[in-house]
Amino acid sequence: MNPASLPTLGLELPLDNDWGASRLRADRAAGRPFGVPDLTRHAELARLADELGFTGLWVRDVPLYDPEQFGDAGSVFETFTHLGHLAAVTERAVLGTAAVVLPLRHPLLVAKAAATVDVLSGGRFVLGLASGDRPVEYPLFGEDFQGRGAAFRRGVEILRAAWTRYADGAGMELPELGLGADRHLDVLPKPTGPSVPLAIAGHAQQSAEWISQNADASLNYPRPLGALRLKTREWQELTAGTPKPYLTPMQLDLTGDPSTAATPIRLGLRTGHQALIDHLRTMGELGVAHVSFNLRPGDRPVEEVLHELAETVLPHFPSPGPAAGTDAAGTVAS
């Protein structure tokens, strides 16, 4: 939690504007499917965002593209493969998942993949977890959609066990899988800290009390300020003994006019940067520790929006600032 009550600011990948009106028309005319972003410059833009001082880069986990019912391919790339690449092309931004659908993946493999990203990134990783909301996927992975809540709880328990450092050569003990400590099995590598930080998305079919006890952060859906006040207050009361951060994404259509008033769009705002700064300050006062912008609804070039945010918005919030040798316009100083 930031003592100044100001959120840090990150970005949700992909960095594209494929939901903007101009791109929608162009894609439709060219016969390109809705919801599949242009990833041609994905590494270049991620590196730029890192250099400009955005504090987090978040990827989504969408195992199967469903154009009929959901129409959104998310970040497209396989989640942990993508994160390994991002760990190599960035230096400062925290990398996160928003969020891995835990019931569709074996938790021991998730534990190994997550710890690997954590080590390769130098401890810059937050594992966001969800129970999933696309029923069509579960039978295809041999899982029960209705039982995803119980599977999620078991998965979190296995993750924590896999990341534990055992003394005197003892191994993991997972009675539900028939594994005793005397078998000396372990998952490597271990995280850079005691555990990979866990952020639980939404309710994940769990009670708010369970999440407050088992998560390191709440990763909750965008809400209007009135509803947000209720959610952050609830989270603060549940975690009063050990304060934990409240994180939220926001769809952002940043206009070219700095004085444009903020108006709601689905899961976010259409606004100029002046009203955006005021809105973010209010979010911080309500207890939001981190906001990640999804730029896909905008009509402006993404690189242009990144530069404007870096020049006009980031300086008002906690940030490492532009990387050494790079100015806020994203150019290398001579």
C-alpha atoms as a PDB file:
ATOM      1  CA  MET A   1       0.000   0.000   0.000  1.00  0.00           C
ATOM      2  CA  ASN A   2       1.282   3.444  -0.847  1.00  0.00           C
ATOM      3  CA  PRO A   3       1.408   5.710   2.225  1.00  0.00           C
ATOM      4  CA  ALA A   4       0.705   8.728   0.012  1.00  0.00           C
ATOM      5  CA  SER A   5      -2.636   7.177  -1.060  1.00  0.00           C
ATOM      6  CA  LEU A   6      -1.623   7.381  -4.699  1.00  0.00           C
ATOM      7  CA  PRO A   7      -1.837   4.343  -6.975  1.00  0.00           C
ATOM      8  CA  THR A   8       0.967   3.104  -9.154  1.00  0.00           C
ATOM      9  CA  LEU A   9       0.081   2.853 -12.848  1.00  0.00           C
ATOM     10  CA  GLY A  10       0.563  -0.040 -15.220  1.00  0.00           C
ATOM     11  CA  LEU A  11      -0.694  -1.408 -18.513  1.00  0.00           C
ATOM     12  CA  GLU A  12      -2.706  -4.440 -19.535  1.00  0.00           C
ATOM     13  CA  LEU A  13      -1.390  -6.154 -22.637  1.00  0.00           C
ATOM     14  CA  PRO A  14      -1.840  -6.353 -25.579  1.00  0.00           C
ATOM     15  CA  LEU A  15      -0.788  -2.789 -26.347  1.00  0.00           C
ATOM     16  CA  ASP A  16      -3.118  -2.197 -29.276  1.00  0.00           C
ATOM     17  CA  ASN A  17      -6.139  -0.077 -30.209  1.00  0.00           C
ATOM     18  CA  ASP A  18      -8.106  -2.812 -31.990  1.00  0.00           C
ATOM     19  CA  TRP A  19     -11.360  -1.921 -30.174  1.00  0.00           C
ATOM     20  CA  GLY A  20     -11.213   1.703 -31.370  1.00  0.00           C
ATOM     21  CA  ALA A  21     -13.721   2.828 -34.002  1.00  0.00           C
ATOM     22  CA  SER A  22     -11.179   3.339 -36.805  1.00  0.00           C
ATOM     23  CA  ARG A  23      -9.524  -0.053 -36.318  1.00  0.00           C
ATOM     24  CA  LEU A  24     -12.875  -1.799 -36.064  1.00  0.00           C
ATOM     25  CA  ARG A  25     -13.867  -0.379 -39.445  1.00  0.00           C
ATOM     26  CA  ALA A  26     -10.510  -1.243 -41.010  1.00  0.00           C
ATOM     27  CA  ASP A  27     -10.482  -4.773 -39.604  1.00  0.00           C
ATOM     28  CA  ARG A  28     -14.054  -5.368 -40.720  1.00  0.00           C
ATOM     29  CA  ALA A  29     -13.253  -4.168 -44.232  1.00  0.00           C
ATOM     30  CA  ALA A  30     -10.180  -6.398 -44.381  1.00  0.00           C
ATOM     31  CA  GLY A  31     -12.045  -9.420 -43.015  1.00  0.00           C
ATOM     32  CA  ARG A  32      -9.920  -9.612 -39.872  1.00  0.00           C
ATOM     33  CA  PRO A  33     -11.625 -11.214 -36.843  1.00  0.00           C
ATOM     34  CA  PHE A  34     -12.765  -9.102 -33.912  1.00  0.00           C
ATOM     35  CA  GLY A  35     -10.811  -9.407 -30.679  1.00  0.00           C
ATOM     36  CA  VAL A  36      -7.494 -10.533 -32.184  1.00  0.00           C
ATOM     37  CA  PRO A  37      -4.953  -7.726 -31.633  1.00  0.00           C
ATOM     38  CA  ASP A  38      -2.032  -6.770 -33.823  1.00  0.00           C
ATOM     39  CA  LEU A  39       1.082  -8.083 -32.070  1.00  0.00           C
ATOM     40  CA  THR A  40       3.605  -6.948 -34.663  1.00  0.00           C
ATOM     41  CA  ARG A  41       5.228  -4.467 -32.257  1.00  0.00           C
ATOM     42  CA  HIS A  42       4.451  -6.229 -28.962  1.00  0.00           C
ATOM     43  CA  ALA A  43       8.058  -6.430 -27.737  1.00  0.00           C
ATOM     44  CA  GLU A  44       8.936  -2.894 -28.870  1.00  0.00           C
ATOM     45  CA  LEU A  45       5.913  -1.385 -27.105  1.00  0.00           C
ATOM     46  CA  ALA A  46       6.451  -3.402 -23.917  1.00  0.00           C
ATOM     47  CA  ARG A  47      10.049  -2.224 -23.811  1.00  0.00           C
ATOM     48  CA  LEU A  48       8.932   1.363 -24.388  1.00  0.00           C
ATOM     49  CA  ALA A  49       6.365   1.166 -21.565  1.00  0.00           C
ATOM     50  CA  ASP A  50       9.057  -0.144 -19.235  1.00  0.00           C
ATOM     51  CA  GLU A  51      11.483   2.618 -20.215  1.00  0.00           C
ATOM     52  CA  LEU A  52       8.822   5.322 -19.773  1.00  0.00           C
ATOM     53  CA  GLY A  53       8.210   4.317 -16.157  1.00  0.00           C
ATOM     54  CA  PHE A  54       4.973   2.334 -16.103  1.00  0.00           C
ATOM     55  CA  THR A  55       5.193   0.175 -12.993  1.00  0.00           C
ATOM     56  CA  GLY A  56       3.422  -2.956 -14.227  1.00  0.00           C
ATOM     57  CA  LEU A  57       2.714  -4.979 -17.379  1.00  0.00           C
ATOM     58  CA  TRP A  58      -0.154  -7.458 -17.118  1.00  0.00           C
ATOM     59  CA  VAL A  59      -1.032 -10.332 -19.433  1.00  0.00           C
ATOM     60  CA  ARG A  60      -4.305 -12.239 -19.648  1.00  0.00           C
ATOM     61  CA  ASP A  61      -4.849 -15.988 -19.829  1.00  0.00           C
ATOM     62  CA  VAL A  62      -7.337 -16.937 -22.563  1.00  0.00           C
ATOM     63  CA  PRO A  63      -6.696 -20.600 -23.426  1.00  0.00           C
ATOM     64  CA  LEU A  64      -9.160 -20.768 -26.341  1.00  0.00           C
ATOM     65  CA  TYR A  65     -10.315 -18.041 -28.705  1.00  0.00           C
ATOM     66  CA  ASP A  66     -14.126 -18.094 -28.796  1.00  0.00           C
ATOM     67  CA  PRO A  67     -15.327 -15.653 -31.480  1.00  0.00           C
ATOM     68  CA  GLU A  68     -18.998 -16.589 -31.082  1.00  0.00           C
ATOM     69  CA  GLN A  69     -19.584 -16.053 -27.360  1.00  0.00           C
ATOM     70  CA  PHE A  70     -16.646 -13.943 -26.127  1.00  0.00           C
ATOM     71  CA  GLY A  71     -14.881 -12.479 -29.163  1.00  0.00           C
ATOM     72  CA  ASP A  72     -11.679 -11.612 -27.342  1.00  0.00           C
ATOM     73  CA  ALA A  73      -8.388 -13.460 -27.732  1.00  0.00           C
ATOM     74  CA  GLY A  74      -6.835 -11.648 -24.763  1.00  0.00           C
ATOM     75  CA  SER A  75      -3.052 -11.405 -24.909  1.00  0.00           C
ATOM     76  CA  VAL A  76      -2.995 -14.215 -27.544  1.00  0.00           C
ATOM     77  CA  PHE A  77       0.396 -15.666 -26.573  1.00  0.00           C
ATOM     78  CA  GLU A  78       0.645 -18.555 -24.107  1.00  0.00           C
ATOM     79  CA  THR A  79       0.870 -16.852 -20.757  1.00  0.00           C
ATOM     80  CA  PHE A  80       4.090 -18.114 -19.200  1.00  0.00           C
ATOM     81  CA  THR A  81       5.997 -18.265 -22.495  1.00  0.00           C
ATOM     82  CA  HIS A  82       5.043 -14.632 -23.047  1.00  0.00           C
ATOM     83  CA  LEU A  83       6.122 -13.689 -19.521  1.00  0.00           C
ATOM     84  CA  GLY A  84       9.524 -15.275 -20.024  1.00  0.00           C
ATOM     85  CA  HIS A  85       9.972 -13.134 -23.128  1.00  0.00           C
ATOM     86  CA  LEU A  86       8.818 -10.002 -21.283  1.00  0.00           C
ATOM     87  CA  ALA A  87      11.270 -10.742 -18.475  1.00  0.00           C
ATOM     88  CA  ALA A  88      14.052 -10.607 -21.067  1.00  0.00           C
ATOM     89  CA  VAL A  89      12.979  -7.396 -22.848  1.00  0.00           C
ATOM     90  CA  THR A  90      12.087  -5.321 -19.751  1.00  0.00           C
ATOM     91  CA  GLU A  91      14.100  -4.296 -16.724  1.00  0.00           C
ATOM     92  CA  ARG A  92      11.929  -2.479 -14.178  1.00  0.00           C
ATOM     93  CA  ALA A  93       8.188  -3.045 -14.604  1.00  0.00           C
ATOM     94  CA  VAL A  94       6.519  -5.677 -12.469  1.00  0.00           C
ATOM     95  CA  LEU A  95       5.077  -8.455 -14.630  1.00  0.00           C
ATOM     96  CA  GLY A  96       1.707  -9.912 -13.713  1.00  0.00           C
ATOM     97  CA  THR A  97      -1.072 -12.197 -14.868  1.00  0.00           C
ATOM     98  CA  ALA A  98      -4.643 -10.927 -14.936  1.00  0.00           C
ATOM     99  CA  ALA A  99      -5.338 -13.721 -14.478  1.00  0.00           C
ATOM    100  CA  VAL A 100      -4.271 -17.371 -14.875  1.00  0.00           C
ATOM    101  CA  VAL A 101      -7.285 -19.704 -14.879  1.00  0.00           C
ATOM    102  CA  LEU A 102      -5.971 -22.041 -12.197  1.00  0.00           C
ATOM    103  CA  PRO A 103      -8.561 -24.868 -12.479  1.00  0.00           C
ATOM    104  CA  LEU A 104      -7.551 -25.418 -16.128  1.00  0.00           C
ATOM    105  CA  ARG A 105      -3.858 -25.899 -15.330  1.00  0.00           C
ATOM    106  CA  HIS A 106      -2.091 -28.389 -13.105  1.00  0.00           C
ATOM    107  CA  PRO A 107      -0.960 -26.398 -10.063  1.00  0.00           C
ATOM    108  CA  LEU A 108       2.444 -28.072  -9.862  1.00  0.00           C
ATOM    109  CA  LEU A 109       3.240 -26.912 -13.395  1.00  0.00           C
ATOM    110  CA  VAL A 110       1.872 -23.447 -12.585  1.00  0.00           C
ATOM    111  CA  ALA A 111       4.110 -23.364  -9.506  1.00  0.00           C
ATOM    112  CA  LYS A 112       7.191 -24.215 -11.565  1.00  0.00           C
ATOM    113  CA  ALA A 113       6.335 -21.788 -14.373  1.00  0.00           C
ATOM    114  CA  ALA A 114       5.539 -18.932 -11.982  1.00  0.00           C
ATOM    115  CA  ALA A 115       8.711 -19.410  -9.939  1.00  0.00           C
ATOM    116  CA  THR A 116      10.717 -19.543 -13.171  1.00  0.00           C
ATOM    117  CA  VAL A 117       9.307 -16.183 -14.321  1.00  0.00           C
ATOM    118  CA  ASP A 118       9.926 -14.751 -10.863  1.00  0.00           C
ATOM    119  CA  VAL A 119      13.590 -15.797 -10.938  1.00  0.00           C
ATOM    120  CA  LEU A 120      14.210 -14.786 -14.561  1.00  0.00           C
ATOM    121  CA  SER A 121      12.681 -11.351 -13.949  1.00  0.00           C
ATOM    122  CA  GLY A 122      14.647 -10.748 -10.771  1.00  0.00           C
ATOM    123  CA  GLY A 123      11.611 -10.936  -8.483  1.00  0.00           C
ATOM    124  CA  ARG A 124       9.362  -8.754 -10.661  1.00  0.00           C
ATOM    125  CA  PHE A 125       6.383 -11.100 -10.844  1.00  0.00           C
ATOM    126  CA  VAL A 126       2.851 -11.188  -9.398  1.00  0.00           C
ATOM    127  CA  LEU A 127       0.724 -14.253 -10.127  1.00  0.00           C
ATOM    128  CA  GLY A 128      -2.893 -13.227 -10.611  1.00  0.00           C
ATOM    129  CA  LEU A 129      -5.272 -16.184 -10.353  1.00  0.00           C
ATOM    130  CA  ALA A 130      -8.884 -16.678 -11.411  1.00  0.00           C
ATOM    131  CA  SER A 131     -11.387 -19.516 -11.376  1.00  0.00           C
ATOM    132  CA  GLY A 132     -12.450 -18.779 -14.964  1.00  0.00           C
ATOM    133  CA  ASP A 133     -15.758 -17.769 -16.528  1.00  0.00           C
ATOM    134  CA  ARG A 134     -15.940 -19.587 -19.887  1.00  0.00           C
ATOM    135  CA  PRO A 135     -17.890 -22.830 -19.394  1.00  0.00           C
ATOM    136  CA  VAL A 136     -17.018 -24.199 -22.841  1.00  0.00           C
ATOM    137  CA  GLU A 137     -13.349 -24.573 -21.883  1.00  0.00           C
ATOM    138  CA  TYR A 138     -13.715 -26.872 -18.871  1.00  0.00           C
ATOM    139  CA  PRO A 139     -14.837 -30.159 -20.472  1.00  0.00           C
ATOM    140  CA  LEU A 140     -12.200 -29.689 -23.176  1.00  0.00           C
ATOM    141  CA  PHE A 141      -9.556 -29.700 -20.432  1.00  0.00           C
ATOM    142  CA  GLY A 142     -11.240 -32.541 -18.545  1.00  0.00           C
ATOM    143  CA  GLU A 143     -12.436 -30.277 -15.732  1.00  0.00           C
ATOM    144  CA  ASP A 144     -15.824 -29.605 -14.148  1.00  0.00           C
ATOM    145  CA  PHE A 145     -17.046 -26.021 -14.467  1.00  0.00           C
ATOM    146  CA  GLN A 146     -19.305 -26.328 -11.421  1.00  0.00           C
ATOM    147  CA  GLY A 147     -16.428 -27.673  -9.344  1.00  0.00           C
ATOM    148  CA  ARG A 148     -13.977 -24.936 -10.237  1.00  0.00           C
ATOM    149  CA  GLY A 149     -14.247 -23.271  -6.813  1.00  0.00           C
ATOM    150  CA  ALA A 150     -13.016 -26.355  -4.965  1.00  0.00           C
ATOM    151  CA  ALA A 151     -10.345 -26.948  -7.612  1.00  0.00           C
ATOM    152  CA  PHE A 152      -9.170 -23.357  -7.150  1.00  0.00           C
ATOM    153  CA  ARG A 153      -8.755 -23.777  -3.381  1.00  0.00           C
ATOM    154  CA  ARG A 154      -6.813 -27.033  -3.821  1.00  0.00           C
ATOM    155  CA  GLY A 155      -4.648 -25.368  -6.441  1.00  0.00           C
ATOM    156  CA  VAL A 156      -3.676 -22.480  -4.170  1.00  0.00           C
ATOM    157  CA  GLU A 157      -2.731 -24.936  -1.414  1.00  0.00           C
ATOM    158  CA  ILE A 158      -0.498 -26.860  -3.827  1.00  0.00           C
ATOM    159  CA  LEU A 159       1.159 -23.667  -5.078  1.00  0.00           C
ATOM    160  CA  ARG A 160       2.085 -22.628  -1.557  1.00  0.00           C
ATOM    161  CA  ALA A 161       3.429 -26.110  -0.786  1.00  0.00           C
ATOM    162  CA  ALA A 162       5.495 -26.176  -3.973  1.00  0.00           C
ATOM    163  CA  TRP A 163       7.160 -22.839  -3.177  1.00  0.00           C
ATOM    164  CA  THR A 164       8.018 -23.766   0.423  1.00  0.00           C
ATOM    165  CA  ARG A 165      11.679 -24.319   1.235  1.00  0.00           C
ATOM    166  CA  TYR A 166      11.963 -27.574   3.132  1.00  0.00           C
ATOM    167  CA  ALA A 167      14.721 -28.154   5.669  1.00  0.00           C
ATOM    168  CA  ASP A 168      16.990 -31.184   5.989  1.00  0.00           C
ATOM    169  CA  GLY A 169      16.190 -32.582   2.561  1.00  0.00           C
ATOM    170  CA  ALA A 170      12.499 -33.094   3.246  1.00  0.00           C
ATOM    171  CA  GLY A 171      10.158 -32.805   0.296  1.00  0.00           C
ATOM    172  CA  MET A 172       6.634 -31.642  -0.373  1.00  0.00           C
ATOM    173  CA  GLU A 173       3.804 -33.278   1.499  1.00  0.00           C
ATOM    174  CA  LEU A 174       0.580 -33.405  -0.519  1.00  0.00           C
ATOM    175  CA  PRO A 175      -1.663 -36.048   1.076  1.00  0.00           C
ATOM    176  CA  GLU A 176      -4.487 -35.396  -1.408  1.00  0.00           C
ATOM    177  CA  LEU A 177      -2.092 -36.456  -4.194  1.00  0.00           C
ATOM    178  CA  GLY A 178      -0.657 -39.352  -2.223  1.00  0.00           C
ATOM    179  CA  LEU A 179       2.713 -37.654  -1.760  1.00  0.00           C
ATOM    180  CA  GLY A 180       4.576 -37.835   1.536  1.00  0.00           C
ATOM    181  CA  ALA A 181       7.548 -35.757   2.655  1.00  0.00           C
ATOM    182  CA  ASP A 182       9.678 -38.899   2.902  1.00  0.00           C
ATOM    183  CA  ARG A 183       9.611 -39.206  -0.902  1.00  0.00           C
ATOM    184  CA  HIS A 184      11.796 -36.037  -1.063  1.00  0.00           C
ATOM    185  CA  LEU A 185      10.124 -34.576  -4.166  1.00  0.00           C
ATOM    186  CA  ASP A 186      10.346 -30.843  -4.696  1.00  0.00           C
ATOM    187  CA  VAL A 187       9.582 -28.145  -7.267  1.00  0.00           C
ATOM    188  CA  LEU A 188      12.457 -25.998  -8.519  1.00  0.00           C
ATOM    189  CA  PRO A 189      13.332 -23.195  -8.845  1.00  0.00           C
ATOM    190  CA  LYS A 190      12.149 -21.587  -5.652  1.00  0.00           C
ATOM    191  CA  PRO A 191      10.882 -17.991  -5.833  1.00  0.00           C
ATOM    192  CA  THR A 192      13.198 -15.095  -5.067  1.00  0.00           C
ATOM    193  CA  GLY A 193      11.171 -14.422  -1.897  1.00  0.00           C
ATOM    194  CA  PRO A 194       9.258 -16.669   0.477  1.00  0.00           C
ATOM    195  CA  SER A 195       6.523 -17.060  -2.154  1.00  0.00           C
ATOM    196  CA  VAL A 196       5.416 -15.709  -5.498  1.00  0.00           C
ATOM    197  CA  PRO A 197       2.912 -12.955  -4.588  1.00  0.00           C
ATOM    198  CA  LEU A 198      -0.666 -14.075  -5.309  1.00  0.00           C
ATOM    199  CA  ALA A 199      -3.401 -11.698  -6.427  1.00  0.00           C
ATOM    200  CA  ILE A 200      -6.856 -13.279  -6.648  1.00  0.00           C
ATOM    201  CA  ALA A 201      -9.129 -11.908  -9.365  1.00  0.00           C
ATOM    202  CA  GLY A 202     -12.750 -11.251  -8.477  1.00  0.00           C
ATOM    203  CA  HIS A 203     -14.293 -13.777  -6.117  1.00  0.00           C
ATOM    204  CA  ALA A 204     -12.894 -16.921  -7.793  1.00  0.00           C
ATOM    205  CA  GLN A 205     -15.902 -18.778  -6.331  1.00  0.00           C
ATOM    206  CA  GLN A 206     -14.589 -18.076  -2.811  1.00  0.00           C
ATOM    207  CA  SER A 207     -15.760 -16.070   0.155  1.00  0.00           C
ATOM    208  CA  ALA A 208     -14.269 -12.633   0.725  1.00  0.00           C
ATOM    209  CA  GLU A 209     -12.883 -13.911   4.031  1.00  0.00           C
ATOM    210  CA  TRP A 210     -11.040 -16.794   2.337  1.00  0.00           C
ATOM    211  CA  ILE A 211      -9.512 -14.455  -0.233  1.00  0.00           C
ATOM    212  CA  SER A 212      -8.357 -12.011   2.441  1.00  0.00           C
ATOM    213  CA  GLN A 213      -6.609 -14.858   4.255  1.00  0.00           C
ATOM    214  CA  ASN A 214      -5.055 -16.636   1.244  1.00  0.00           C
ATOM    215  CA  ALA A 215      -4.225 -13.850  -1.224  1.00  0.00           C
ATOM    216  CA  ASP A 216      -1.475 -11.263  -1.062  1.00  0.00           C
ATOM    217  CA  ALA A 217      -3.622  -8.790  -3.010  1.00  0.00           C
ATOM    218  CA  SER A 218      -7.126  -8.366  -4.400  1.00  0.00           C
ATOM    219  CA  LEU A 219      -7.301  -7.987  -8.189  1.00  0.00           C
ATOM    220  CA  ASN A 220     -10.820  -6.709  -8.701  1.00  0.00           C
ATOM    221  CA  TYR A 221     -12.900  -5.643 -11.650  1.00  0.00           C
ATOM    222  CA  PRO A 222     -13.389  -1.980 -12.663  1.00  0.00           C
ATOM    223  CA  ARG A 223     -16.245  -0.220 -10.896  1.00  0.00           C
ATOM    224  CA  PRO A 224     -17.740   3.277 -10.740  1.00  0.00           C
ATOM    225  CA  LEU A 225     -16.381   5.243  -7.807  1.00  0.00           C
ATOM    226  CA  GLY A 226     -19.425   4.652  -5.591  1.00  0.00           C
ATOM    227  CA  ALA A 227     -19.250   0.869  -5.978  1.00  0.00           C
ATOM    228  CA  LEU A 228     -15.470   0.985  -5.737  1.00  0.00           C
ATOM    229  CA  ARG A 229     -15.721   2.732  -2.364  1.00  0.00           C
ATOM    230  CA  LEU A 230     -17.775  -0.180  -1.002  1.00  0.00           C
ATOM    231  CA  LYS A 231     -15.356  -2.837  -2.321  1.00  0.00           C
ATOM    232  CA  THR A 232     -12.199  -1.150  -1.073  1.00  0.00           C
ATOM    233  CA  ARG A 233     -13.787  -0.507   2.327  1.00  0.00           C
ATOM    234  CA  GLU A 234     -14.716  -4.186   2.602  1.00  0.00           C
ATOM    235  CA  TRP A 235     -11.180  -5.223   1.639  1.00  0.00           C
ATOM    236  CA  GLN A 236      -9.606  -2.829   4.126  1.00  0.00           C
ATOM    237  CA  GLU A 237     -11.809  -4.159   6.924  1.00  0.00           C
ATOM    238  CA  LEU A 238     -11.002  -7.785   6.057  1.00  0.00           C
ATOM    239  CA  THR A 239      -7.249  -7.123   5.931  1.00  0.00           C
ATOM    240  CA  ALA A 240      -7.029  -4.580   8.754  1.00  0.00           C
ATOM    241  CA  GLY A 241      -4.547  -6.704  10.717  1.00  0.00           C
ATOM    242  CA  THR A 242      -2.239  -7.123   7.717  1.00  0.00           C
ATOM    243  CA  PRO A 243      -3.013  -4.502   5.053  1.00  0.00           C
ATOM    244  CA  LYS A 244      -2.917  -5.890   1.521  1.00  0.00           C
ATOM    245  CA  PRO A 245      -3.135  -3.970  -1.768  1.00  0.00           C
ATOM    246  CA  TYR A 246      -6.262  -3.616  -3.885  1.00  0.00           C
ATOM    247  CA  LEU A 247      -5.531  -3.676  -7.636  1.00  0.00           C
ATOM    248  CA  THR A 248      -7.860  -2.920 -10.523  1.00  0.00           C
ATOM    249  CA  PRO A 249      -7.713  -2.617 -14.321  1.00  0.00           C
ATOM    250  CA  MET A 250      -9.373   0.180 -16.304  1.00  0.00           C
ATOM    251  CA  GLN A 251     -10.256   0.448 -19.966  1.00  0.00           C
ATOM    252  CA  LEU A 252      -8.992   3.822 -21.137  1.00  0.00           C
ATOM    253  CA  ASP A 253      -9.844   5.895 -24.201  1.00  0.00           C
ATOM    254  CA  LEU A 254      -7.505   8.868 -23.760  1.00  0.00           C
ATOM    255  CA  THR A 255      -8.577  11.731 -26.012  1.00  0.00           C
ATOM    256  CA  GLY A 256      -6.236  14.185 -27.658  1.00  0.00           C
ATOM    257  CA  ASP A 257      -7.882  17.092 -25.830  1.00  0.00           C
ATOM    258  CA  PRO A 258      -6.418  17.335 -22.305  1.00  0.00           C
ATOM    259  CA  SER A 259      -9.580  19.063 -21.003  1.00  0.00           C
ATOM    260  CA  THR A 260     -12.075  16.387 -22.107  1.00  0.00           C
ATOM    261  CA  ALA A 261     -14.340  15.558 -19.168  1.00  0.00           C
ATOM    262  CA  ALA A 262     -14.368  11.961 -17.971  1.00  0.00           C
ATOM    263  CA  THR A 263     -17.335   9.926 -19.217  1.00  0.00           C
ATOM    264  CA  PRO A 264     -17.971   6.246 -18.534  1.00  0.00           C
ATOM    265  CA  ILE A 265     -17.335   3.567 -21.123  1.00  0.00           C
ATOM    266  CA  ARG A 266     -17.589  -0.167 -20.561  1.00  0.00           C
ATOM    267  CA  LEU A 267     -15.228  -1.000 -17.678  1.00  0.00           C
ATOM    268  CA  GLY A 268     -13.511   2.349 -17.762  1.00  0.00           C
ATOM    269  CA  LEU A 269     -13.366   5.941 -18.994  1.00  0.00           C
ATOM    270  CA  ARG A 270     -13.134   8.141 -22.034  1.00  0.00           C
ATOM    271  CA  THR A 271     -11.266  11.202 -20.819  1.00  0.00           C
ATOM    272  CA  GLY A 272      -8.549  13.776 -21.300  1.00  0.00           C
ATOM    273  CA  HIS A 273      -5.486  13.520 -19.103  1.00  0.00           C
ATOM    274  CA  GLN A 274      -6.531  16.304 -16.717  1.00  0.00           C
ATOM    275  CA  ALA A 275      -9.717  14.566 -15.597  1.00  0.00           C
ATOM    276  CA  LEU A 276      -7.877  11.231 -15.593  1.00  0.00           C
ATOM    277  CA  ILE A 277      -5.406  12.547 -13.016  1.00  0.00           C
ATOM    278  CA  ASP A 278      -8.271  13.679 -10.775  1.00  0.00           C
ATOM    279  CA  HIS A 279     -10.056  10.338 -11.155  1.00  0.00           C
ATOM    280  CA  LEU A 280      -6.915   8.359 -10.305  1.00  0.00           C
ATOM    281  CA  ARG A 281      -6.287  10.491  -7.233  1.00  0.00           C
ATOM    282  CA  THR A 282      -9.800   9.736  -6.039  1.00  0.00           C
ATOM    283  CA  MET A 283      -9.218   6.030  -6.625  1.00  0.00           C
ATOM    284  CA  GLY A 284      -6.097   6.256  -4.497  1.00  0.00           C
ATOM    285  CA  GLU A 285      -7.979   8.019  -1.705  1.00  0.00           C
ATOM    286  CA  LEU A 286     -10.466   5.129  -1.755  1.00  0.00           C
ATOM    287  CA  GLY A 287      -7.665   2.618  -1.253  1.00  0.00           C
ATOM    288  CA  VAL A 288      -6.655   1.487  -4.749  1.00  0.00           C
ATOM    289  CA  ALA A 289      -2.937   0.679  -4.810  1.00  0.00           C
ATOM    290  CA  HIS A 290      -2.490  -0.024  -8.528  1.00  0.00           C
ATOM    291  CA  VAL A 291      -4.405   0.716 -11.744  1.00  0.00           C
ATOM    292  CA  SER A 292      -3.594  -0.994 -15.045  1.00  0.00           C
ATOM    293  CA  PHE A 293      -4.782   0.694 -18.238  1.00  0.00           C
ATOM    294  CA  ASN A 294      -6.259  -1.308 -21.103  1.00  0.00           C
ATOM    295  CA  LEU A 295      -5.751   0.937 -24.154  1.00  0.00           C
ATOM    296  CA  ARG A 296      -7.662  -1.183 -26.667  1.00  0.00           C
ATOM    297  CA  PRO A 297     -10.834   1.015 -26.781  1.00  0.00           C
ATOM    298  CA  GLY A 298      -8.912   4.092 -27.917  1.00  0.00           C
ATOM    299  CA  ASP A 299      -8.664   5.420 -31.472  1.00  0.00           C
ATOM    300  CA  ARG A 300      -5.239   7.050 -31.157  1.00  0.00           C
ATOM    301  CA  PRO A 301      -1.951   5.255 -31.914  1.00  0.00           C
ATOM    302  CA  VAL A 302      -0.857   3.379 -28.810  1.00  0.00           C
ATOM    303  CA  GLU A 303       2.672   4.769 -28.873  1.00  0.00           C
ATOM    304  CA  GLU A 304       1.271   8.308 -28.886  1.00  0.00           C
ATOM    305  CA  VAL A 305      -0.924   7.529 -25.885  1.00  0.00           C
ATOM    306  CA  LEU A 306       1.997   5.984 -23.988  1.00  0.00           C
ATOM    307  CA  HIS A 307       4.058   9.118 -24.521  1.00  0.00           C
ATOM    308  CA  GLU A 308       1.249  11.409 -23.357  1.00  0.00           C
ATOM    309  CA  LEU A 309       0.583   9.345 -20.250  1.00  0.00           C
ATOM    310  CA  ALA A 310       4.303   9.338 -19.438  1.00  0.00           C
ATOM    311  CA  GLU A 311       4.616  13.081 -19.905  1.00  0.00           C
ATOM    312  CA  THR A 312       1.402  14.264 -18.239  1.00  0.00           C
ATOM    313  CA  VAL A 313       0.062  11.579 -15.883  1.00  0.00           C
ATOM    314  CA  LEU A 314       2.889   9.401 -14.555  1.00  0.00           C
ATOM    315  CA  PRO A 315       4.704  12.338 -12.902  1.00  0.00           C
ATOM    316  CA  HIS A 316       1.751  12.725 -10.510  1.00  0.00           C
ATOM    317  CA  PHE A 317       1.953   9.126  -9.249  1.00  0.00           C
ATOM    318  CA  PRO A 318       4.581   6.777  -7.787  1.00  0.00           C
ATOM    319  CA  SER A 319       6.860   5.679 -10.621  1.00  0.00           C
ATOM    320  CA  PRO A 320      10.530   4.935 -11.210  1.00  0.00           C
ATOM    321  CA  GLY A 321      10.424   7.607 -13.923  1.00  0.00           C
ATOM    322  CA  PRO A 322      11.910   7.229 -17.402  1.00  0.00           C
ATOM    323  CA  ALA A 323      14.892   4.921 -17.669  1.00  0.00           C
ATOM    324  CA  ALA A 324      18.317   6.520 -17.592  1.00  0.00           C
ATOM    325  CA  GLY A 325      19.132   7.909 -21.007  1.00  0.00           C
ATOM    326  CA  THR A 326      15.476   8.035 -22.080  1.00  0.00           C
ATOM    327  CA  ASP A 327      13.332  11.147 -21.886  1.00  0.00           C
ATOM    328  CA  ALA A 328       9.551  11.151 -21.331  1.00  0.00           C
ATOM    329  CA  ALA A 329       9.016  11.245 -25.076  1.00  0.00           C
ATOM    330  CA  GLY A 330      10.664   7.862 -25.333  1.00  0.00           C
ATOM    331  CA  THR A 331      13.780   9.076 -27.161  1.00  0.00           C
ATOM    332  CA  VAL A 332      17.304   8.247 -26.147  1.00  0.00           C
ATOM    333  CA  ALA A 333      19.225  11.236 -24.856  1.00  0.00           C
ATOM    334  CA  SER A 334      22.387  12.014 -26.780  1.00  0.00           C
END
